[in-house]
Amino acid sequence: MPHTTHLHVKSLGLPENSKVILSTHPVLAHKLTKLRDAKTDANLFRHLLREITFYLGYGIPSTTMRPPFLVLGMYRNSNSLLPVQYYNKLPKECHIDCAIVLEPLINTAGTIIATVAILKVWGVSQIKIISTIASKDGLKDLFAKHPDVEVIVAAIDDTLSESGVIVPGLGDAGDRQFDTDVHHISENGGNHKRKHSEE
């Protein structure tokens, strides 16, 4: 998809050789605005996230995307903010030169840093990351640990909250996809409604 910008990475405080591609296509910008909207329901959120991911990956040659499609499951502990691996079915031997990693958001970058490390140990030599939104701090930490990766994003936001969430961001992508953040039982047993920004 056209309308992409290879960023002047120095303005983000990144190493000069960092590879960051920001999509500036107006259709993508419109879909991202709807994705950020707190009124967007889970069904539409999933649909928009899938479309945005497709657009961001448009420029990757089709010859790059060959089977197998593998799943490495990671999540961030909401208390410690540390990455937790919950699923790994990578084969014993790596026969892949390039891996495309789909990461809805790069907040503190803890999970994506850990994911890239796992893939490198496994034997992948080239790693491209597709993400809807990244924080500046998250990108700094990612490239400090893995300067050889390439990141393709729809937006870069300036701020991280104290709980490690991108501001303005779009909330917790997992909760919003599956509508799992509407009612939660509090410690005193009562129900309360949690906002996406509390993740």
C-alpha atoms as a PDB file:
ATOM      1  CA  MET A   1       0.000   0.000   0.000  1.00  0.00           C
ATOM      2  CA  PRO A   2       1.429   3.429  -0.876  1.00  0.00           C
ATOM      3  CA  HIS A   3       1.703   6.409   1.493  1.00  0.00           C
ATOM      4  CA  THR A   4       4.422   5.093   3.774  1.00  0.00           C
ATOM      5  CA  THR A   5       7.172   7.059   5.456  1.00  0.00           C
ATOM      6  CA  HIS A   6      10.611   5.844   6.442  1.00  0.00           C
ATOM      7  CA  LEU A   7      10.966   7.939   9.574  1.00  0.00           C
ATOM      8  CA  HIS A   8      13.819  10.194  10.520  1.00  0.00           C
ATOM      9  CA  VAL A   9      14.600   8.002  13.488  1.00  0.00           C
ATOM     10  CA  LYS A  10      16.790  10.584  15.222  1.00  0.00           C
ATOM     11  CA  SER A  11      13.672  12.652  15.918  1.00  0.00           C
ATOM     12  CA  LEU A  12      12.342   9.684  17.911  1.00  0.00           C
ATOM     13  CA  GLY A  13      15.586   9.235  19.802  1.00  0.00           C
ATOM     14  CA  LEU A  14      16.298   5.943  18.025  1.00  0.00           C
ATOM     15  CA  PRO A  15      19.633   4.687  16.687  1.00  0.00           C
ATOM     16  CA  GLU A  16      20.344   5.983  13.183  1.00  0.00           C
ATOM     17  CA  ASN A  17      20.078   2.553  11.541  1.00  0.00           C
ATOM     18  CA  SER A  18      16.656   1.744  13.073  1.00  0.00           C
ATOM     19  CA  LYS A  19      14.096   0.551  10.517  1.00  0.00           C
ATOM     20  CA  VAL A  20      10.681   2.085  11.245  1.00  0.00           C
ATOM     21  CA  ILE A  21       8.023   2.404   8.552  1.00  0.00           C
ATOM     22  CA  LEU A  22       4.966   4.525   9.360  1.00  0.00           C
ATOM     23  CA  SER A  23       1.932   4.168   7.110  1.00  0.00           C
ATOM     24  CA  THR A  24       0.294   7.499   6.278  1.00  0.00           C
ATOM     25  CA  HIS A  25      -2.487   6.239   4.016  1.00  0.00           C
ATOM     26  CA  PRO A  26      -5.749   8.173   4.679  1.00  0.00           C
ATOM     27  CA  VAL A  27      -7.913   5.029   4.599  1.00  0.00           C
ATOM     28  CA  LEU A  28      -5.719   3.459   7.246  1.00  0.00           C
ATOM     29  CA  ALA A  29      -5.828   6.652   9.325  1.00  0.00           C
ATOM     30  CA  HIS A  30      -9.634   6.594   9.195  1.00  0.00           C
ATOM     31  CA  LYS A  31      -9.799   2.971  10.323  1.00  0.00           C
ATOM     32  CA  LEU A  32      -7.329   3.672  13.121  1.00  0.00           C
ATOM     33  CA  THR A  33      -9.504   6.547  14.354  1.00  0.00           C
ATOM     34  CA  LYS A  34     -12.463   4.155  14.584  1.00  0.00           C
ATOM     35  CA  LEU A  35     -10.260   1.570  16.310  1.00  0.00           C
ATOM     36  CA  ARG A  36      -9.273   4.129  18.964  1.00  0.00           C
ATOM     37  CA  ASP A  37     -12.907   5.057  19.635  1.00  0.00           C
ATOM     38  CA  ALA A  38     -14.034   3.638  22.996  1.00  0.00           C
ATOM     39  CA  LYS A  39     -17.556   3.226  21.551  1.00  0.00           C
ATOM     40  CA  THR A  40     -16.359   0.686  18.965  1.00  0.00           C
ATOM     41  CA  ASP A  41     -17.742  -2.729  19.947  1.00  0.00           C
ATOM     42  CA  ALA A  42     -15.719  -5.953  20.025  1.00  0.00           C
ATOM     43  CA  ASN A  43     -16.984  -7.261  16.680  1.00  0.00           C
ATOM     44  CA  LEU A  44     -16.099  -4.082  14.796  1.00  0.00           C
ATOM     45  CA  PHE A  45     -12.813  -3.802  16.712  1.00  0.00           C
ATOM     46  CA  ARG A  46     -11.746  -7.272  15.525  1.00  0.00           C
ATOM     47  CA  HIS A  47     -12.760  -6.431  11.966  1.00  0.00           C
ATOM     48  CA  LEU A  48     -10.839  -3.143  11.974  1.00  0.00           C
ATOM     49  CA  LEU A  49      -7.761  -4.699  13.559  1.00  0.00           C
ATOM     50  CA  ARG A  50      -7.698  -7.387  10.881  1.00  0.00           C
ATOM     51  CA  GLU A  51      -8.068  -4.821   8.085  1.00  0.00           C
ATOM     52  CA  ILE A  52      -5.353  -2.559   9.493  1.00  0.00           C
ATOM     53  CA  THR A  53      -2.976  -5.504   9.854  1.00  0.00           C
ATOM     54  CA  PHE A  54      -3.653  -6.441   6.220  1.00  0.00           C
ATOM     55  CA  TYR A  55      -2.926  -2.896   5.041  1.00  0.00           C
ATOM     56  CA  LEU A  56       0.292  -2.681   7.063  1.00  0.00           C
ATOM     57  CA  GLY A  57       1.529  -5.956   5.596  1.00  0.00           C
ATOM     58  CA  TYR A  58       0.608  -4.982   2.039  1.00  0.00           C
ATOM     59  CA  GLY A  59       4.162  -4.059   1.082  1.00  0.00           C
ATOM     60  CA  ILE A  60       5.677  -7.342   2.218  1.00  0.00           C
ATOM     61  CA  PRO A  61       6.350  -9.500  -0.871  1.00  0.00           C
ATOM     62  CA  SER A  62       4.001 -12.474  -1.159  1.00  0.00           C
ATOM     63  CA  THR A  63       7.026 -14.721  -1.576  1.00  0.00           C
ATOM     64  CA  THR A  64       7.990 -13.868   2.011  1.00  0.00           C
ATOM     65  CA  MET A  65       4.730 -15.229   3.411  1.00  0.00           C
ATOM     66  CA  ARG A  66       5.100 -18.962   3.088  1.00  0.00           C
ATOM     67  CA  PRO A  67       3.920 -21.711   5.426  1.00  0.00           C
ATOM     68  CA  PRO A  68       4.346 -22.613   8.174  1.00  0.00           C
ATOM     69  CA  PHE A  69       2.287 -20.127  10.154  1.00  0.00           C
ATOM     70  CA  LEU A  70       3.380 -20.526  13.757  1.00  0.00           C
ATOM     71  CA  VAL A  71       1.965 -19.258  17.043  1.00  0.00           C
ATOM     72  CA  LEU A  72       4.096 -18.067  19.931  1.00  0.00           C
ATOM     73  CA  GLY A  73       1.761 -16.893  22.683  1.00  0.00           C
ATOM     74  CA  MET A  74       2.902 -14.071  24.962  1.00  0.00           C
ATOM     75  CA  TYR A  75       1.138 -11.703  27.317  1.00  0.00           C
ATOM     76  CA  ARG A  76       2.163  -8.989  29.745  1.00  0.00           C
ATOM     77  CA  ASN A  77       1.513  -9.469  33.455  1.00  0.00           C
ATOM     78  CA  SER A  78      -0.642  -6.479  34.401  1.00  0.00           C
ATOM     79  CA  ASN A  79       1.025  -6.141  37.818  1.00  0.00           C
ATOM     80  CA  SER A  80       4.720  -6.655  37.066  1.00  0.00           C
ATOM     81  CA  LEU A  81       4.502  -5.574  33.377  1.00  0.00           C
ATOM     82  CA  LEU A  82       6.842  -8.495  32.628  1.00  0.00           C
ATOM     83  CA  PRO A  83       6.279 -10.791  29.619  1.00  0.00           C
ATOM     84  CA  VAL A  84       4.822 -14.253  30.182  1.00  0.00           C
ATOM     85  CA  GLN A  85       5.044 -17.029  27.590  1.00  0.00           C
ATOM     86  CA  TYR A  86       1.938 -19.217  27.663  1.00  0.00           C
ATOM     87  CA  TYR A  87       2.182 -21.060  24.338  1.00  0.00           C
ATOM     88  CA  ASN A  88       5.118 -22.243  22.243  1.00  0.00           C
ATOM     89  CA  LYS A  89       4.786 -24.799  19.473  1.00  0.00           C
ATOM     90  CA  LEU A  90       7.895 -23.883  17.508  1.00  0.00           C
ATOM     91  CA  PRO A  91       9.449 -26.968  15.893  1.00  0.00           C
ATOM     92  CA  LYS A  92      12.802 -28.158  17.235  1.00  0.00           C
ATOM     93  CA  GLU A  93      14.629 -27.068  14.095  1.00  0.00           C
ATOM     94  CA  CYS A  94      14.213 -23.697  12.413  1.00  0.00           C
ATOM     95  CA  HIS A  95      13.862 -23.711   8.631  1.00  0.00           C
ATOM     96  CA  ILE A  96      12.722 -20.091   8.397  1.00  0.00           C
ATOM     97  CA  ASP A  97      14.828 -17.124   7.291  1.00  0.00           C
ATOM     98  CA  CYS A  98      12.239 -14.390   7.886  1.00  0.00           C
ATOM     99  CA  ALA A  99       9.497 -14.152  10.522  1.00  0.00           C
ATOM    100  CA  ILE A 100       6.569 -11.721  10.456  1.00  0.00           C
ATOM    101  CA  VAL A 101       5.460 -10.990  14.027  1.00  0.00           C
ATOM    102  CA  LEU A 102       1.981  -9.553  14.620  1.00  0.00           C
ATOM    103  CA  GLU A 103       1.812  -7.420  17.777  1.00  0.00           C
ATOM    104  CA  PRO A 104      -1.348  -5.308  18.237  1.00  0.00           C
ATOM    105  CA  LEU A 105       0.430  -2.694  20.383  1.00  0.00           C
ATOM    106  CA  ILE A 106       4.000  -1.944  21.379  1.00  0.00           C
ATOM    107  CA  ASN A 107       3.581  -0.396  24.824  1.00  0.00           C
ATOM    108  CA  THR A 108       6.655  -0.943  27.000  1.00  0.00           C
ATOM    109  CA  ALA A 109       7.897  -3.442  24.354  1.00  0.00           C
ATOM    110  CA  GLY A 110       8.567  -6.109  26.988  1.00  0.00           C
ATOM    111  CA  THR A 111       6.595  -8.858  25.242  1.00  0.00           C
ATOM    112  CA  ILE A 112       7.886  -8.096  21.753  1.00  0.00           C
ATOM    113  CA  ILE A 113      11.492  -7.911  23.004  1.00  0.00           C
ATOM    114  CA  ALA A 114      11.063 -11.349  24.594  1.00  0.00           C
ATOM    115  CA  THR A 115       9.358 -12.722  21.472  1.00  0.00           C
ATOM    116  CA  VAL A 116      12.155 -11.531  19.189  1.00  0.00           C
ATOM    117  CA  ALA A 117      14.747 -13.037  21.548  1.00  0.00           C
ATOM    118  CA  ILE A 118      12.972 -16.416  21.441  1.00  0.00           C
ATOM    119  CA  LEU A 119      12.827 -16.346  17.633  1.00  0.00           C
ATOM    120  CA  LYS A 120      16.514 -15.445  17.364  1.00  0.00           C
ATOM    121  CA  VAL A 121      17.541 -18.256  19.698  1.00  0.00           C
ATOM    122  CA  TRP A 122      15.393 -20.580  17.587  1.00  0.00           C
ATOM    123  CA  GLY A 123      17.352 -19.478  14.502  1.00  0.00           C
ATOM    124  CA  VAL A 124      15.389 -16.780  12.657  1.00  0.00           C
ATOM    125  CA  SER A 125      17.757 -14.276  11.042  1.00  0.00           C
ATOM    126  CA  GLN A 126      15.308 -11.618   9.805  1.00  0.00           C
ATOM    127  CA  ILE A 127      12.337 -10.341  11.821  1.00  0.00           C
ATOM    128  CA  LYS A 128       9.642  -7.872  10.762  1.00  0.00           C
ATOM    129  CA  ILE A 129       7.082  -6.601  13.279  1.00  0.00           C
ATOM    130  CA  ILE A 130       3.634  -5.344  12.273  1.00  0.00           C
ATOM    131  CA  SER A 131       1.837  -3.288  14.931  1.00  0.00           C
ATOM    132  CA  THR A 132      -1.057  -0.843  14.925  1.00  0.00           C
ATOM    133  CA  ILE A 133       0.433   1.620  17.432  1.00  0.00           C
ATOM    134  CA  ALA A 134       3.815   1.890  19.114  1.00  0.00           C
ATOM    135  CA  SER A 135       5.005   4.171  21.886  1.00  0.00           C
ATOM    136  CA  LYS A 136       8.222   6.127  21.426  1.00  0.00           C
ATOM    137  CA  ASP A 137       9.640   4.631  24.619  1.00  0.00           C
ATOM    138  CA  GLY A 138       8.685   1.135  23.503  1.00  0.00           C
ATOM    139  CA  LEU A 139      10.473   1.598  20.180  1.00  0.00           C
ATOM    140  CA  LYS A 140      13.563   2.932  21.965  1.00  0.00           C
ATOM    141  CA  ASP A 141      13.711  -0.142  24.201  1.00  0.00           C
ATOM    142  CA  LEU A 142      13.020  -2.521  21.310  1.00  0.00           C
ATOM    143  CA  PHE A 143      15.797  -1.141  19.113  1.00  0.00           C
ATOM    144  CA  ALA A 144      18.189  -0.944  22.065  1.00  0.00           C
ATOM    145  CA  LYS A 145      17.810  -4.723  22.466  1.00  0.00           C
ATOM    146  CA  HIS A 146      17.224  -5.701  18.830  1.00  0.00           C
ATOM    147  CA  PRO A 147      18.598  -3.044  16.444  1.00  0.00           C
ATOM    148  CA  ASP A 148      18.236  -5.345  13.424  1.00  0.00           C
ATOM    149  CA  VAL A 149      14.429  -5.726  13.419  1.00  0.00           C
ATOM    150  CA  GLU A 150      12.063  -3.823  11.125  1.00  0.00           C
ATOM    151  CA  VAL A 151       8.872  -2.271  12.525  1.00  0.00           C
ATOM    152  CA  ILE A 152       5.826  -1.340  10.427  1.00  0.00           C
ATOM    153  CA  VAL A 153       3.208   0.741  12.273  1.00  0.00           C
ATOM    154  CA  ALA A 154       0.068   2.782  11.675  1.00  0.00           C
ATOM    155  CA  ALA A 155       0.844   5.323  14.416  1.00  0.00           C
ATOM    156  CA  ILE A 156       3.426   6.290  17.013  1.00  0.00           C
ATOM    157  CA  ASP A 157       2.125   7.796  20.259  1.00  0.00           C
ATOM    158  CA  ASP A 158       4.262   9.905  22.569  1.00  0.00           C
ATOM    159  CA  THR A 159       3.232   8.859  26.052  1.00  0.00           C
ATOM    160  CA  LEU A 160       3.094   5.811  28.317  1.00  0.00           C
ATOM    161  CA  SER A 161       0.946   5.849  31.450  1.00  0.00           C
ATOM    162  CA  GLU A 162       2.299   4.792  34.853  1.00  0.00           C
ATOM    163  CA  SER A 163       0.812   1.351  34.220  1.00  0.00           C
ATOM    164  CA  GLY A 164       2.717   1.032  30.930  1.00  0.00           C
ATOM    165  CA  VAL A 165      -0.188   1.708  28.548  1.00  0.00           C
ATOM    166  CA  ILE A 166       0.099   3.894  25.442  1.00  0.00           C
ATOM    167  CA  VAL A 167      -1.677   7.250  25.698  1.00  0.00           C
ATOM    168  CA  PRO A 168      -3.925   7.897  23.845  1.00  0.00           C
ATOM    169  CA  GLY A 169      -3.477   4.392  22.379  1.00  0.00           C
ATOM    170  CA  LEU A 170      -6.601   2.287  21.979  1.00  0.00           C
ATOM    171  CA  GLY A 171      -6.953   0.476  25.316  1.00  0.00           C
ATOM    172  CA  ASP A 172      -6.183  -3.186  25.906  1.00  0.00           C
ATOM    173  CA  ALA A 173      -6.317  -4.807  22.470  1.00  0.00           C
ATOM    174  CA  GLY A 174      -7.019  -8.291  23.835  1.00  0.00           C
ATOM    175  CA  ASP A 175      -9.868  -7.167  26.069  1.00  0.00           C
ATOM    176  CA  ARG A 176     -11.395  -5.057  23.341  1.00  0.00           C
ATOM    177  CA  GLN A 177     -11.240  -7.859  20.755  1.00  0.00           C
ATOM    178  CA  PHE A 178     -13.044 -10.350  22.964  1.00  0.00           C
ATOM    179  CA  ASP A 179     -15.095  -7.983  25.132  1.00  0.00           C
ATOM    180  CA  THR A 180     -13.546  -9.318  28.339  1.00  0.00           C
ATOM    181  CA  ASP A 181     -13.224  -6.047  30.235  1.00  0.00           C
ATOM    182  CA  VAL A 182     -16.833  -5.045  30.831  1.00  0.00           C
ATOM    183  CA  HIS A 183     -17.499  -6.476  34.296  1.00  0.00           C
ATOM    184  CA  HIS A 184     -14.903  -7.670  36.748  1.00  0.00           C
ATOM    185  CA  ILE A 185     -15.257  -8.801  40.344  1.00  0.00           C
ATOM    186  CA  SER A 186     -13.412  -6.486  42.680  1.00  0.00           C
ATOM    187  CA  GLU A 187     -11.557  -7.627  45.797  1.00  0.00           C
ATOM    188  CA  ASN A 188     -14.556  -6.870  48.018  1.00  0.00           C
ATOM    189  CA  GLY A 189     -16.787  -9.040  45.849  1.00  0.00           C
ATOM    190  CA  GLY A 190     -18.686  -6.290  44.074  1.00  0.00           C
ATOM    191  CA  ASN A 191     -18.824  -5.771  40.340  1.00  0.00           C
ATOM    192  CA  HIS A 192     -17.256  -2.727  38.803  1.00  0.00           C
ATOM    193  CA  LYS A 193     -16.782  -1.560  35.256  1.00  0.00           C
ATOM    194  CA  ARG A 194     -13.186  -1.148  34.198  1.00  0.00           C
ATOM    195  CA  LYS A 195     -12.120   1.312  31.554  1.00  0.00           C
ATOM    196  CA  HIS A 196      -9.684   0.252  28.845  1.00  0.00           C
ATOM    197  CA  SER A 197      -7.154   2.808  30.055  1.00  0.00           C
ATOM    198  CA  GLU A 198      -6.846   0.991  33.398  1.00  0.00           C
ATOM    199  CA  GLU A 199      -5.008  -1.961  31.823  1.00  0.00           C
END
